[in-house]
């Protein structure tokens, strides 16, 4: 693994693979959260399954955490190396003319997403870990009912938190607009399907973050 990460191409390829993994997780996370808009019972049942099934908790969850950390660390590493390279070539190359604003500022959208993700972990993941593994309550119940839907709605009562989540998803959309296509280019997907992939990537980058915003607003106005 270290040998692959020693080269620029290897680092970009590894970054792309981690991006694909996180985009698949993001889609799955969106679908689960979307059920909360249509059925509290369905959302509760899925949440309880995801929160107690051993394969998800002890295998997939650690892989996910590693994937998130790897993606952000590798992103910072690539940014540092790119900045060093740009300092050398600025006299010969106009970066603003040869790249988009989003591609030149991925590090800033990534940093905001990282802050947003930490807040999201504090809001949802850490309380879950505390309840299940510190308190030792794996039932998912509160007052005789599943607690997941109620907890979700309670989180989106404060308008400041809803606003923060909405801004976070806007930055996620901007990050994905460049990141999706960049990931495919890094793995060599530059062929007759490139135009279709760009269209799919743009749709993904807009629809998913917008969907998350709708979910947050729905629970704020319907708690």
Foldseek 3Di string as FASTA:
>chain_A
DVVLCVDPLSLLLLLLVLVVVVLVVLVVVLVLLVVLLVDVVSNLVVVLCCLPPCCNPPPVVVVNVVSLVSNLVSVVVNLVVVVVVCVVCVVPDDVPVVDPPLVNCLNVLSVLLVVVVVVVCVLPVVVSCCVCPVVNDSPCDDPRHRCVSVSLLVQLQDVVSLVSLLVNLVSQLSNQLPSQLSSCVSVPVDDPCSVVSNVVSNCSSPVSSVSVSVSSVSSNVPD
